[in-house]
Amino acid sequence: MAVCAVRGAVQLERDEAGHMEEQVGALLTAVLERNELHPDDLISIWFTATPDLHSDFPAAAARKLGIVDVPLICAQELDIEGAMPRVVRLLAHIESDRPRSDIAHVYLGAAAALRKDIAQ
């Protein structure tokens, strides 16, 4: 098994804890499914949120999905003028036999515009 990294992002419609839980949960579920991963394959996950999101920690959605023994951390994204608002990003470190070229990076909804080169 090798250590690989998977990227992902989702843009929220509003800054509300329940909505964040739903959308971040959908993002994390899509990352796991598209890469045929099980929570045991996760090493750690970094979440970032744009400065306009205050309602909850993105990592709380992972905990509600049952990912309870994986190190998670949240940080604030840089406040860049003109950047897409209300975005949660993730960087998951995983154990996988897949070649790097087969890793599915997941950008849901409008967040697909952030990385057209790798969005699946």
PDB file of N, CA and C in Angstrom:
ATOM      1  N   MET A   1       0.831  -1.189   0.000  1.00  0.00           N
ATOM      2  CA  MET A   1       0.000   0.000   0.000  1.00  0.00           C
ATOM      3  C   MET A   1       0.875   1.253   0.000  1.00  0.00           C
ATOM      4  N   ALA A   2       0.438   2.228  -0.746  1.00  0.00           N
ATOM      5  CA  ALA A   2       1.126   3.509  -0.789  1.00  0.00           C
ATOM      6  C   ALA A   2       0.255   4.575  -0.142  1.00  0.00           C
ATOM      7  N   VAL A   3       0.886   5.657   0.269  1.00  0.00           N
ATOM      8  CA  VAL A   3       0.155   6.807   0.787  1.00  0.00           C
ATOM      9  C   VAL A   3      -0.128   7.734  -0.386  1.00  0.00           C
ATOM     10  N   CYS A   4      -1.398   8.090  -0.541  1.00  0.00           N
ATOM     11  CA  CYS A   4      -1.828   8.988  -1.615  1.00  0.00           C
ATOM     12  C   CYS A   4      -2.642  10.114  -1.010  1.00  0.00           C
ATOM     13  N   ALA A   5      -2.881  11.144  -1.807  1.00  0.00           N
ATOM     14  CA  ALA A   5      -3.707  12.265  -1.364  1.00  0.00           C
ATOM     15  C   ALA A   5      -4.868  12.439  -2.332  1.00  0.00           C
ATOM     16  N   VAL A   6      -6.025  12.754  -1.773  1.00  0.00           N
ATOM     17  CA  VAL A   6      -7.231  13.000  -2.561  1.00  0.00           C
ATOM     18  C   VAL A   6      -7.735  14.396  -2.209  1.00  0.00           C
ATOM     19  N   ARG A   7      -8.051  15.179  -3.242  1.00  0.00           N
ATOM     20  CA  ARG A   7      -8.581  16.526  -3.047  1.00  0.00           C
ATOM     21  C   ARG A   7     -10.073  16.538  -3.290  1.00  0.00           C
ATOM     22  N   GLY A   8     -10.739  17.538  -2.709  1.00  0.00           N
ATOM     23  CA  GLY A   8     -12.157  17.717  -2.956  1.00  0.00           C
ATOM     24  C   GLY A   8     -12.620  19.061  -2.445  1.00  0.00           C
ATOM     25  N   ALA A   9     -13.786  19.482  -2.935  1.00  0.00           N
ATOM     26  CA  ALA A   9     -14.371  20.751  -2.484  1.00  0.00           C
ATOM     27  C   ALA A   9     -15.850  20.766  -2.793  1.00  0.00           C
ATOM     28  N   VAL A  10     -16.556  21.589  -2.026  1.00  0.00           N
ATOM     29  CA  VAL A  10     -17.978  21.817  -2.250  1.00  0.00           C
ATOM     30  C   VAL A  10     -18.285  23.259  -1.863  1.00  0.00           C
ATOM     31  N   GLN A  11     -19.156  23.888  -2.625  1.00  0.00           N
ATOM     32  CA  GLN A  11     -19.607  25.237  -2.276  1.00  0.00           C
ATOM     33  C   GLN A  11     -20.959  25.112  -1.579  1.00  0.00           C
ATOM     34  N   LEU A  12     -21.076  25.728  -0.416  1.00  0.00           N
ATOM     35  CA  LEU A  12     -22.325  25.724   0.333  1.00  0.00           C
ATOM     36  C   LEU A  12     -23.239  26.833  -0.178  1.00  0.00           C
ATOM     37  N   GLU A  13     -24.528  26.608  -0.100  1.00  0.00           N
ATOM     38  CA  GLU A  13     -25.498  27.632  -0.486  1.00  0.00           C
ATOM     39  C   GLU A  13     -25.661  28.674   0.607  1.00  0.00           C
ATOM     40  N   ARG A  14     -25.443  28.243   1.867  1.00  0.00           N
ATOM     41  CA  ARG A  14     -25.621  29.156   3.003  1.00  0.00           C
ATOM     42  C   ARG A  14     -24.760  28.680   4.168  1.00  0.00           C
ATOM     43  N   ASP A  15     -24.470  29.571   5.083  1.00  0.00           N
ATOM     44  CA  ASP A  15     -23.683  29.236   6.265  1.00  0.00           C
ATOM     45  C   ASP A  15     -24.631  28.798   7.379  1.00  0.00           C
ATOM     46  N   GLU A  16     -24.935  27.517   7.384  1.00  0.00           N
ATOM     47  CA  GLU A  16     -25.842  26.932   8.362  1.00  0.00           C
ATOM     48  C   GLU A  16     -25.291  25.554   8.723  1.00  0.00           C
ATOM     49  N   ALA A  17     -25.232  25.244  10.018  1.00  0.00           N
ATOM     50  CA  ALA A  17     -24.595  24.006  10.474  1.00  0.00           C
ATOM     51  C   ALA A  17     -25.191  22.760   9.810  1.00  0.00           C
ATOM     52  N   GLY A  18     -26.497  22.654   9.743  1.00  0.00           N
ATOM     53  CA  GLY A  18     -27.122  21.482   9.136  1.00  0.00           C
ATOM     54  C   GLY A  18     -26.796  21.345   7.668  1.00  0.00           C
ATOM     55  N   HIS A  19     -26.753  22.473   6.978  1.00  0.00           N
ATOM     56  CA  HIS A  19     -26.410  22.466   5.554  1.00  0.00           C
ATOM     57  C   HIS A  19     -24.946  22.071   5.361  1.00  0.00           C
ATOM     58  N   MET A  20     -24.067  22.593   6.220  1.00  0.00           N
ATOM     59  CA  MET A  20     -22.655  22.228   6.126  1.00  0.00           C
ATOM     60  C   MET A  20     -22.499  20.728   6.369  1.00  0.00           C
ATOM     61  N   GLU A  21     -23.157  20.192   7.384  1.00  0.00           N
ATOM     62  CA  GLU A  21     -23.071  18.764   7.663  1.00  0.00           C
ATOM     63  C   GLU A  21     -23.506  17.940   6.449  1.00  0.00           C
ATOM     64  N   GLU A  22     -24.613  18.343   5.837  1.00  0.00           N
ATOM     65  CA  GLU A  22     -25.134  17.625   4.671  1.00  0.00           C
ATOM     66  C   GLU A  22     -24.162  17.673   3.493  1.00  0.00           C
ATOM     67  N   GLN A  23     -23.670  18.852   3.173  1.00  0.00           N
ATOM     68  CA  GLN A  23     -22.823  19.028   1.998  1.00  0.00           C
ATOM     69  C   GLN A  23     -21.422  18.432   2.181  1.00  0.00           C
ATOM     70  N   VAL A  24     -20.832  18.633   3.354  1.00  0.00           N
ATOM     71  CA  VAL A  24     -19.508  18.058   3.611  1.00  0.00           C
ATOM     72  C   VAL A  24     -19.630  16.540   3.705  1.00  0.00           C
ATOM     73  N   GLY A  25     -20.718  16.053   4.273  1.00  0.00           N
ATOM     74  CA  GLY A  25     -20.958  14.613   4.303  1.00  0.00           C
ATOM     75  C   GLY A  25     -21.067  14.039   2.902  1.00  0.00           C
ATOM     76  N   ALA A  26     -21.773  14.746   2.024  1.00  0.00           N
ATOM     77  CA  ALA A  26     -21.905  14.296   0.630  1.00  0.00           C
ATOM     78  C   ALA A  26     -20.541  14.295  -0.065  1.00  0.00           C
ATOM     79  N   LEU A  27     -19.733  15.312   0.195  1.00  0.00           N
ATOM     80  CA  LEU A  27     -18.387  15.377  -0.402  1.00  0.00           C
ATOM     81  C   LEU A  27     -17.528  14.209   0.068  1.00  0.00           C
ATOM     82  N   LEU A  28     -17.500  13.987   1.357  1.00  0.00           N
ATOM     83  CA  LEU A  28     -16.672  12.914   1.898  1.00  0.00           C
ATOM     84  C   LEU A  28     -17.170  11.545   1.424  1.00  0.00           C
ATOM     85  N   THR A  29     -18.461  11.353   1.374  1.00  0.00           N
ATOM     86  CA  THR A  29     -19.027  10.101   0.879  1.00  0.00           C
ATOM     87  C   THR A  29     -18.637   9.877  -0.586  1.00  0.00           C
ATOM     88  N   ALA A  30     -18.699  10.933  -1.394  1.00  0.00           N
ATOM     89  CA  ALA A  30     -18.324  10.821  -2.808  1.00  0.00           C
ATOM     90  C   ALA A  30     -16.845  10.484  -2.961  1.00  0.00           C
ATOM     91  N   VAL A  31     -15.993  11.084  -2.142  1.00  0.00           N
ATOM     92  CA  VAL A  31     -14.558  10.777  -2.192  1.00  0.00           C
ATOM     93  C   VAL A  31     -14.336   9.289  -1.894  1.00  0.00           C
ATOM     94  N   LEU A  32     -14.991   8.790  -0.853  1.00  0.00           N
ATOM     95  CA  LEU A  32     -14.834   7.382  -0.491  1.00  0.00           C
ATOM     96  C   LEU A  32     -15.364   6.467  -1.592  1.00  0.00           C
ATOM     97  N   GLU A  33     -16.565   6.739  -2.084  1.00  0.00           N
ATOM     98  CA  GLU A  33     -17.176   5.871  -3.093  1.00  0.00           C
ATOM     99  C   GLU A  33     -16.418   5.882  -4.415  1.00  0.00           C
ATOM    100  N   ARG A  34     -16.056   7.063  -4.906  1.00  0.00           N
ATOM    101  CA  ARG A  34     -15.402   7.147  -6.216  1.00  0.00           C
ATOM    102  C   ARG A  34     -13.998   6.551  -6.216  1.00  0.00           C
ATOM    103  N   ASN A  35     -13.413   6.458  -5.025  1.00  0.00           N
ATOM    104  CA  ASN A  35     -12.080   5.866  -4.917  1.00  0.00           C
ATOM    105  C   ASN A  35     -12.113   4.478  -4.297  1.00  0.00           C
ATOM    106  N   GLU A  36     -13.320   3.932  -4.138  1.00  0.00           N
ATOM    107  CA  GLU A  36     -13.517   2.601  -3.559  1.00  0.00           C
ATOM    108  C   GLU A  36     -12.755   2.452  -2.247  1.00  0.00           C
ATOM    109  N   LEU A  37     -12.950   3.449  -1.370  1.00  0.00           N
ATOM    110  CA  LEU A  37     -12.259   3.486  -0.086  1.00  0.00           C
ATOM    111  C   LEU A  37     -13.217   3.132   1.049  1.00  0.00           C
ATOM    112  N   HIS A  38     -12.644   2.633   2.108  1.00  0.00           N
ATOM    113  CA  HIS A  38     -13.344   2.361   3.355  1.00  0.00           C
ATOM    114  C   HIS A  38     -12.724   3.317   4.388  1.00  0.00           C
ATOM    115  N   PRO A  39     -13.447   3.699   5.421  1.00  0.00           N
ATOM    116  CA  PRO A  39     -12.837   4.583   6.426  1.00  0.00           C
ATOM    117  C   PRO A  39     -11.501   4.079   6.975  1.00  0.00           C
ATOM    118  N   ASP A  40     -11.292   2.754   6.989  1.00  0.00           N
ATOM    119  CA  ASP A  40     -10.010   2.221   7.456  1.00  0.00           C
ATOM    120  C   ASP A  40      -8.848   2.602   6.544  1.00  0.00           C
ATOM    121  N   ASP A  41      -9.137   3.018   5.310  1.00  0.00           N
ATOM    122  CA  ASP A  41      -8.098   3.436   4.370  1.00  0.00           C
ATOM    123  C   ASP A  41      -7.641   4.874   4.611  1.00  0.00           C
ATOM    124  N   LEU A  42      -8.384   5.606   5.424  1.00  0.00           N
ATOM    125  CA  LEU A  42      -8.059   7.012   5.694  1.00  0.00           C
ATOM    126  C   LEU A  42      -6.932   7.122   6.713  1.00  0.00           C
ATOM    127  N   ILE A  43      -5.970   7.971   6.427  1.00  0.00           N
ATOM    128  CA  ILE A  43      -4.880   8.259   7.362  1.00  0.00           C
ATOM    129  C   ILE A  43      -5.193   9.539   8.125  1.00  0.00           C
ATOM    130  N   SER A  44      -5.578  10.587   7.397  1.00  0.00           N
ATOM    131  CA  SER A  44      -5.947  11.861   8.013  1.00  0.00           C
ATOM    132  C   SER A  44      -6.676  12.709   6.976  1.00  0.00           C
ATOM    133  N   ILE A  45      -7.396  13.714   7.470  1.00  0.00           N
ATOM    134  CA  ILE A  45      -8.091  14.638   6.564  1.00  0.00           C
ATOM    135  C   ILE A  45      -7.903  16.062   7.077  1.00  0.00           C
ATOM    136  N   TRP A  46      -7.481  16.934   6.161  1.00  0.00           N
ATOM    137  CA  TRP A  46      -7.429  18.378   6.407  1.00  0.00           C
ATOM    138  C   TRP A  46      -8.659  18.991   5.743  1.00  0.00           C
ATOM    139  N   PHE A  47      -9.382  19.797   6.472  1.00  0.00           N
ATOM    140  CA  PHE A  47     -10.490  20.563   5.933  1.00  0.00           C
ATOM    141  C   PHE A  47     -10.131  22.039   6.011  1.00  0.00           C
ATOM    142  N   THR A  48     -10.473  22.786   4.974  1.00  0.00           N
ATOM    143  CA  THR A  48     -10.400  24.242   5.071  1.00  0.00           C
ATOM    144  C   THR A  48     -11.768  24.798   4.715  1.00  0.00           C
ATOM    145  N   ALA A  49     -12.067  25.957   5.274  1.00  0.00           N
ATOM    146  CA  ALA A  49     -13.316  26.651   4.983  1.00  0.00           C
ATOM    147  C   ALA A  49     -12.983  28.114   4.708  1.00  0.00           C
ATOM    148  N   THR A  50     -13.709  28.701   3.778  1.00  0.00           N
ATOM    149  CA  THR A  50     -13.502  30.113   3.490  1.00  0.00           C
ATOM    150  C   THR A  50     -13.909  30.934   4.712  1.00  0.00           C
ATOM    151  N   PRO A  51     -13.359  32.134   4.852  1.00  0.00           N
ATOM    152  CA  PRO A  51     -13.591  32.945   6.052  1.00  0.00           C
ATOM    153  C   PRO A  51     -15.059  33.328   6.290  1.00  0.00           C
ATOM    154  N   ASP A  52     -15.923  33.154   5.297  1.00  0.00           N
ATOM    155  CA  ASP A  52     -17.329  33.501   5.476  1.00  0.00           C
ATOM    156  C   ASP A  52     -18.155  32.364   6.075  1.00  0.00           C
ATOM    157  N   LEU A  53     -17.520  31.245   6.422  1.00  0.00           N
ATOM    158  CA  LEU A  53     -18.225  30.124   7.043  1.00  0.00           C
ATOM    159  C   LEU A  53     -17.889  30.073   8.536  1.00  0.00           C
ATOM    160  N   HIS A  54     -18.938  30.169   9.360  1.00  0.00           N
ATOM    161  CA  HIS A  54     -18.759  30.238  10.812  1.00  0.00           C
ATOM    162  C   HIS A  54     -19.649  29.272  11.581  1.00  0.00           C
ATOM    163  N   SER A  55     -20.570  28.598  10.920  1.00  0.00           N
ATOM    164  CA  SER A  55     -21.629  27.865  11.623  1.00  0.00           C
ATOM    165  C   SER A  55     -21.173  26.567  12.288  1.00  0.00           C
ATOM    166  N   ASP A  56     -20.124  25.927  11.774  1.00  0.00           N
ATOM    167  CA  ASP A  56     -19.682  24.655  12.349  1.00  0.00           C
ATOM    168  C   ASP A  56     -18.304  24.303  11.806  1.00  0.00           C
ATOM    169  N   PHE A  57     -17.713  23.278  12.390  1.00  0.00           N
ATOM    170  CA  PHE A  57     -16.457  22.735  11.898  1.00  0.00           C
ATOM    171  C   PHE A  57     -16.776  21.727  10.806  1.00  0.00           C
ATOM    172  N   PRO A  58     -16.149  21.803   9.643  1.00  0.00           N
ATOM    173  CA  PRO A  58     -16.388  20.798   8.613  1.00  0.00           C
ATOM    174  C   PRO A  58     -16.101  19.373   9.103  1.00  0.00           C
ATOM    175  N   ALA A  59     -15.135  19.214   9.981  1.00  0.00           N
ATOM    176  CA  ALA A  59     -14.791  17.885  10.489  1.00  0.00           C
ATOM    177  C   ALA A  59     -15.948  17.245  11.253  1.00  0.00           C
ATOM    178  N   ALA A  60     -16.852  18.047  11.780  1.00  0.00           N
ATOM    179  CA  ALA A  60     -17.999  17.496  12.510  1.00  0.00           C
ATOM    180  C   ALA A  60     -18.840  16.593  11.609  1.00  0.00           C
ATOM    181  N   ALA A  61     -18.908  16.906  10.320  1.00  0.00           N
ATOM    182  CA  ALA A  61     -19.662  16.073   9.375  1.00  0.00           C
ATOM    183  C   ALA A  61     -19.015  14.701   9.243  1.00  0.00           C
ATOM    184  N   ALA A  62     -17.690  14.651   9.242  1.00  0.00           N
ATOM    185  CA  ALA A  62     -16.995  13.361   9.158  1.00  0.00           C
ATOM    186  C   ALA A  62     -17.280  12.527  10.398  1.00  0.00           C
ATOM    187  N   ARG A  63     -17.269  13.147  11.540  1.00  0.00           N
ATOM    188  CA  ARG A  63     -17.552  12.423  12.786  1.00  0.00           C
ATOM    189  C   ARG A  63     -18.972  11.858  12.757  1.00  0.00           C
ATOM    190  N   LYS A  64     -19.920  12.622  12.221  1.00  0.00           N
ATOM    191  CA  LYS A  64     -21.309  12.151  12.145  1.00  0.00           C
ATOM    192  C   LYS A  64     -21.470  11.011  11.154  1.00  0.00           C
ATOM    193  N   LEU A  65     -20.534  10.880  10.202  1.00  0.00           N
ATOM    194  CA  LEU A  65     -20.544   9.749   9.273  1.00  0.00           C
ATOM    195  C   LEU A  65     -19.914   8.503   9.896  1.00  0.00           C
ATOM    196  N   GLY A  66     -19.408   8.641  11.119  1.00  0.00           N
ATOM    197  CA  GLY A  66     -18.788   7.505  11.793  1.00  0.00           C
ATOM    198  C   GLY A  66     -17.283   7.438  11.669  1.00  0.00           C
ATOM    199  N   ILE A  67     -16.684   8.467  11.090  1.00  0.00           N
ATOM    200  CA  ILE A  67     -15.217   8.518  10.974  1.00  0.00           C
ATOM    201  C   ILE A  67     -14.696   9.130  12.274  1.00  0.00           C
ATOM    202  N   VAL A  68     -14.458   8.256  13.247  1.00  0.00           N
ATOM    203  CA  VAL A  68     -14.167   8.733  14.597  1.00  0.00           C
ATOM    204  C   VAL A  68     -12.734   8.485  15.053  1.00  0.00           C
ATOM    205  N   ASP A  69     -11.999   7.609  14.352  1.00  0.00           N
ATOM    206  CA  ASP A  69     -10.638   7.307  14.792  1.00  0.00           C
ATOM    207  C   ASP A  69      -9.582   7.755  13.780  1.00  0.00           C
ATOM    208  N   VAL A  70      -9.954   8.722  12.935  1.00  0.00           N
ATOM    209  CA  VAL A  70      -9.048   9.287  11.934  1.00  0.00           C
ATOM    210  C   VAL A  70      -8.729  10.716  12.360  1.00  0.00           C
ATOM    211  N   PRO A  71      -7.461  11.109  12.379  1.00  0.00           N
ATOM    212  CA  PRO A  71      -7.138  12.490  12.721  1.00  0.00           C
ATOM    213  C   PRO A  71      -7.734  13.463  11.691  1.00  0.00           C
ATOM    214  N   LEU A  72      -8.446  14.457  12.192  1.00  0.00           N
ATOM    215  CA  LEU A  72      -9.064  15.487  11.355  1.00  0.00           C
ATOM    216  C   LEU A  72      -8.627  16.844  11.876  1.00  0.00           C
ATOM    217  N   ILE A  73      -8.486  17.795  10.971  1.00  0.00           N
ATOM    218  CA  ILE A  73      -8.164  19.153  11.382  1.00  0.00           C
ATOM    219  C   ILE A  73      -8.856  20.127  10.449  1.00  0.00           C
ATOM    220  N   CYS A  74      -9.242  21.266  11.004  1.00  0.00           N
ATOM    221  CA  CYS A  74      -9.884  22.321  10.215  1.00  0.00           C
ATOM    222  C   CYS A  74      -9.021  23.570  10.262  1.00  0.00           C
ATOM    223  N   ALA A  75      -9.014  24.291   9.153  1.00  0.00           N
ATOM    224  CA  ALA A  75      -8.273  25.547   9.067  1.00  0.00           C
ATOM    225  C   ALA A  75      -9.064  26.513   8.193  1.00  0.00           C
ATOM    226  N   GLN A  76      -8.702  27.777   8.292  1.00  0.00           N
ATOM    227  CA  GLN A  76      -9.373  28.781   7.467  1.00  0.00           C
ATOM    228  C   GLN A  76      -8.592  28.978   6.175  1.00  0.00           C
ATOM    229  N   GLU A  77      -9.324  28.986   5.072  1.00  0.00           N
ATOM    230  CA  GLU A  77      -8.743  29.241   3.756  1.00  0.00           C
ATOM    231  C   GLU A  77      -8.286  30.699   3.693  1.00  0.00           C
ATOM    232  N   LEU A  78      -7.337  30.998   2.837  1.00  0.00           N
ATOM    233  CA  LEU A  78      -6.898  32.377   2.645  1.00  0.00           C
ATOM    234  C   LEU A  78      -8.053  33.249   2.179  1.00  0.00           C
ATOM    235  N   ASP A  79      -8.089  34.466   2.647  1.00  0.00           N
ATOM    236  CA  ASP A  79      -9.138  35.424   2.289  1.00  0.00           C
ATOM    237  C   ASP A  79      -8.670  36.222   1.068  1.00  0.00           C
ATOM    238  N   ILE A  80      -8.851  35.640  -0.105  1.00  0.00           N
ATOM    239  CA  ILE A  80      -8.385  36.247  -1.351  1.00  0.00           C
ATOM    240  C   ILE A  80      -9.546  36.956  -2.036  1.00  0.00           C
ATOM    241  N   GLU A  81      -9.340  38.195  -2.412  1.00  0.00           N
ATOM    242  CA  GLU A  81     -10.376  38.971  -3.088  1.00  0.00           C
ATOM    243  C   GLU A  81     -10.783  38.265  -4.384  1.00  0.00           C
ATOM    244  N   GLY A  82     -12.085  38.105  -4.569  1.00  0.00           N
ATOM    245  CA  GLY A  82     -12.608  37.479  -5.776  1.00  0.00           C
ATOM    246  C   GLY A  82     -12.704  35.962  -5.710  1.00  0.00           C
ATOM    247  N   ALA A  83     -12.265  35.364  -4.597  1.00  0.00           N
ATOM    248  CA  ALA A  83     -12.341  33.906  -4.474  1.00  0.00           C
ATOM    249  C   ALA A  83     -13.797  33.459  -4.312  1.00  0.00           C
ATOM    250  N   MET A  84     -14.066  32.228  -4.709  1.00  0.00           N
ATOM    251  CA  MET A  84     -15.408  31.668  -4.572  1.00  0.00           C
ATOM    252  C   MET A  84     -15.793  31.648  -3.087  1.00  0.00           C
ATOM    253  N   PRO A  85     -16.982  32.138  -2.760  1.00  0.00           N
ATOM    254  CA  PRO A  85     -17.405  32.163  -1.362  1.00  0.00           C
ATOM    255  C   PRO A  85     -17.972  30.819  -0.893  1.00  0.00           C
ATOM    256  N   ARG A  86     -18.032  30.646   0.422  1.00  0.00           N
ATOM    257  CA  ARG A  86     -18.687  29.514   1.096  1.00  0.00           C
ATOM    258  C   ARG A  86     -18.197  28.153   0.600  1.00  0.00           C
ATOM    259  N   VAL A  87     -16.888  27.983   0.555  1.00  0.00           N
ATOM    260  CA  VAL A  87     -16.307  26.744   0.047  1.00  0.00           C
ATOM    261  C   VAL A  87     -15.606  25.987   1.179  1.00  0.00           C
ATOM    262  N   VAL A  88     -15.884  24.690   1.235  1.00  0.00           N
ATOM    263  CA  VAL A  88     -15.155  23.774   2.108  1.00  0.00           C
ATOM    264  C   VAL A  88     -14.313  22.886   1.199  1.00  0.00           C
ATOM    265  N   ARG A  89     -13.030  22.812   1.512  1.00  0.00           N
ATOM    266  CA  ARG A  89     -12.111  21.958   0.764  1.00  0.00           C
ATOM    267  C   ARG A  89     -11.615  20.855   1.691  1.00  0.00           C
ATOM    268  N   LEU A  90     -11.195  19.752   1.090  1.00  0.00           N
ATOM    269  CA  LEU A  90     -10.567  18.697   1.889  1.00  0.00           C
ATOM    270  C   LEU A  90      -9.351  18.154   1.168  1.00  0.00           C
ATOM    271  N   LEU A  91      -8.421  17.685   1.964  1.00  0.00           N
ATOM    272  CA  LEU A  91      -7.240  16.966   1.489  1.00  0.00           C
ATOM    273  C   LEU A  91      -7.152  15.724   2.366  1.00  0.00           C
ATOM    274  N   ALA A  92      -7.476  14.577   1.783  1.00  0.00           N
ATOM    275  CA  ALA A  92      -7.466  13.326   2.534  1.00  0.00           C
ATOM    276  C   ALA A  92      -6.216  12.527   2.173  1.00  0.00           C
ATOM    277  N   HIS A  93      -5.506  12.074   3.180  1.00  0.00           N
ATOM    278  CA  HIS A  93      -4.374  11.181   2.994  1.00  0.00           C
ATOM    279  C   HIS A  93      -4.902   9.770   3.182  1.00  0.00           C
ATOM    280  N   ILE A  94      -4.610   8.906   2.210  1.00  0.00           N
ATOM    281  CA  ILE A  94      -5.175   7.561   2.203  1.00  0.00           C
ATOM    282  C   ILE A  94      -4.106   6.520   1.944  1.00  0.00           C
ATOM    283  N   GLU A  95      -4.435   5.284   2.260  1.00  0.00           N
ATOM    284  CA  GLU A  95      -3.623   4.142   1.847  1.00  0.00           C
ATOM    285  C   GLU A  95      -4.355   3.508   0.676  1.00  0.00           C
ATOM    286  N   SER A  96      -3.633   3.305  -0.425  1.00  0.00           N
ATOM    287  CA  SER A  96      -4.269   2.765  -1.618  1.00  0.00           C
ATOM    288  C   SER A  96      -3.239   2.089  -2.520  1.00  0.00           C
ATOM    289  N   ASP A  97      -3.705   1.102  -3.255  1.00  0.00           N
ATOM    290  CA  ASP A  97      -2.872   0.457  -4.274  1.00  0.00           C
ATOM    291  C   ASP A  97      -3.058   1.109  -5.638  1.00  0.00           C
ATOM    292  N   ARG A  98      -3.987   2.053  -5.745  1.00  0.00           N
ATOM    293  CA  ARG A  98      -4.254   2.721  -7.019  1.00  0.00           C
ATOM    294  C   ARG A  98      -3.066   3.590  -7.431  1.00  0.00           C
ATOM    295  N   PRO A  99      -2.783   3.634  -8.711  1.00  0.00           N
ATOM    296  CA  PRO A  99      -1.772   4.599  -9.171  1.00  0.00           C
ATOM    297  C   PRO A  99      -2.321   6.019  -9.008  1.00  0.00           C
ATOM    298  N   ARG A 100      -1.438   6.953  -8.833  1.00  0.00           N
ATOM    299  CA  ARG A 100      -1.839   8.347  -8.626  1.00  0.00           C
ATOM    300  C   ARG A 100      -2.784   8.828  -9.727  1.00  0.00           C
ATOM    301  N   SER A 101      -2.568   8.384 -10.943  1.00  0.00           N
ATOM    302  CA  SER A 101      -3.396   8.815 -12.068  1.00  0.00           C
ATOM    303  C   SER A 101      -4.838   8.309 -11.973  1.00  0.00           C
ATOM    304  N   ASP A 102      -5.095   7.303 -11.148  1.00  0.00           N
ATOM    305  CA  ASP A 102      -6.442   6.755 -10.995  1.00  0.00           C
ATOM    306  C   ASP A 102      -7.196   7.320  -9.796  1.00  0.00           C
ATOM    307  N   ILE A 103      -6.578   8.208  -9.040  1.00  0.00           N
ATOM    308  CA  ILE A 103      -7.254   8.816  -7.893  1.00  0.00           C
ATOM    309  C   ILE A 103      -8.320   9.780  -8.405  1.00  0.00           C
ATOM    310  N   ALA A 104      -9.532   9.652  -7.871  1.00  0.00           N
ATOM    311  CA  ALA A 104     -10.647  10.524  -8.272  1.00  0.00           C
ATOM    312  C   ALA A 104     -10.760  11.677  -7.284  1.00  0.00           C
ATOM    313  N   HIS A 105     -10.424  12.872  -7.736  1.00  0.00           N
ATOM    314  CA  HIS A 105     -10.584  14.088  -6.941  1.00  0.00           C
ATOM    315  C   HIS A 105     -12.015  14.568  -7.172  1.00  0.00           C
ATOM    316  N   VAL A 106     -12.691  14.978  -6.110  1.00  0.00           N
ATOM    317  CA  VAL A 106     -14.124  15.227  -6.178  1.00  0.00           C
ATOM    318  C   VAL A 106     -14.430  16.694  -5.881  1.00  0.00           C
ATOM    319  N   TYR A 107     -15.003  17.361  -6.869  1.00  0.00           N
ATOM    320  CA  TYR A 107     -15.427  18.751  -6.726  1.00  0.00           C
ATOM    321  C   TYR A 107     -16.905  18.792  -7.060  1.00  0.00           C
ATOM    322  N   LEU A 108     -17.738  19.002  -6.042  1.00  0.00           N
ATOM    323  CA  LEU A 108     -19.182  18.942  -6.218  1.00  0.00           C
ATOM    324  C   LEU A 108     -19.775  20.300  -6.576  1.00  0.00           C
ATOM    325  N   GLY A 109     -20.813  20.265  -7.407  1.00  0.00           N
ATOM    326  CA  GLY A 109     -21.548  21.481  -7.761  1.00  0.00           C
ATOM    327  C   GLY A 109     -20.652  22.551  -8.351  1.00  0.00           C
ATOM    328  N   ALA A 110     -20.890  23.782  -7.922  1.00  0.00           N
ATOM    329  CA  ALA A 110     -20.150  24.929  -8.450  1.00  0.00           C
ATOM    330  C   ALA A 110     -18.661  24.849  -8.157  1.00  0.00           C
ATOM    331  N   ALA A 111     -18.268  24.083  -7.146  1.00  0.00           N
ATOM    332  CA  ALA A 111     -16.845  23.960  -6.804  1.00  0.00           C
ATOM    333  C   ALA A 111     -16.041  23.279  -7.904  1.00  0.00           C
ATOM    334  N   ALA A 112     -16.704  22.608  -8.838  1.00  0.00           N
ATOM    335  CA  ALA A 112     -15.998  21.991  -9.963  1.00  0.00           C
ATOM    336  C   ALA A 112     -15.208  23.029 -10.760  1.00  0.00           C
ATOM    337  N   ALA A 113     -15.649  24.276 -10.728  1.00  0.00           N
ATOM    338  CA  ALA A 113     -14.954  25.346 -11.451  1.00  0.00           C
ATOM    339  C   ALA A 113     -13.586  25.660 -10.832  1.00  0.00           C
ATOM    340  N   LEU A 114     -13.356  25.234  -9.604  1.00  0.00           N
ATOM    341  CA  LEU A 114     -12.089  25.533  -8.936  1.00  0.00           C
ATOM    342  C   LEU A 114     -10.917  24.772  -9.547  1.00  0.00           C
ATOM    343  N   ARG A 115     -11.170  23.544  -9.964  1.00  0.00           N
ATOM    344  CA  ARG A 115     -10.098  22.713 -10.514  1.00  0.00           C
ATOM    345  C   ARG A 115     -10.611  21.913 -11.688  1.00  0.00           C
ATOM    346  N   LYS A 116     -10.873  22.591 -12.782  1.00  0.00           N
ATOM    347  CA  LYS A 116     -11.377  21.918 -13.980  1.00  0.00           C
ATOM    348  C   LYS A 116     -10.401  20.873 -14.491  1.00  0.00           C
ATOM    349  N   ASP A 117      -9.125  21.027 -14.142  1.00  0.00           N
ATOM    350  CA  ASP A 117      -8.120  20.089 -14.630  1.00  0.00           C
ATOM    351  C   ASP A 117      -8.183  18.730 -13.929  1.00  0.00           C
ATOM    352  N   ILE A 118      -8.706  18.682 -12.684  1.00  0.00           N
ATOM    353  CA  ILE A 118      -8.751  17.388 -11.978  1.00  0.00           C
ATOM    354  C   ILE A 118     -10.145  17.021 -11.482  1.00  0.00           C
ATOM    355  N   ALA A 119     -11.115  17.911 -11.595  1.00  0.00           N
ATOM    356  CA  ALA A 119     -12.464  17.603 -11.108  1.00  0.00           C
ATOM    357  C   ALA A 119     -13.054  16.436 -11.873  1.00  0.00           C
ATOM    358  N   GLN A 120     -13.686  15.523 -11.162  1.00  0.00           N
ATOM    359  CA  GLN A 120     -14.261  14.333 -11.789  1.00  0.00           C
ATOM    360  C   GLN A 120     -15.772  14.435 -11.770  1.00  0.00           C
TER     361      GLN A 120
END
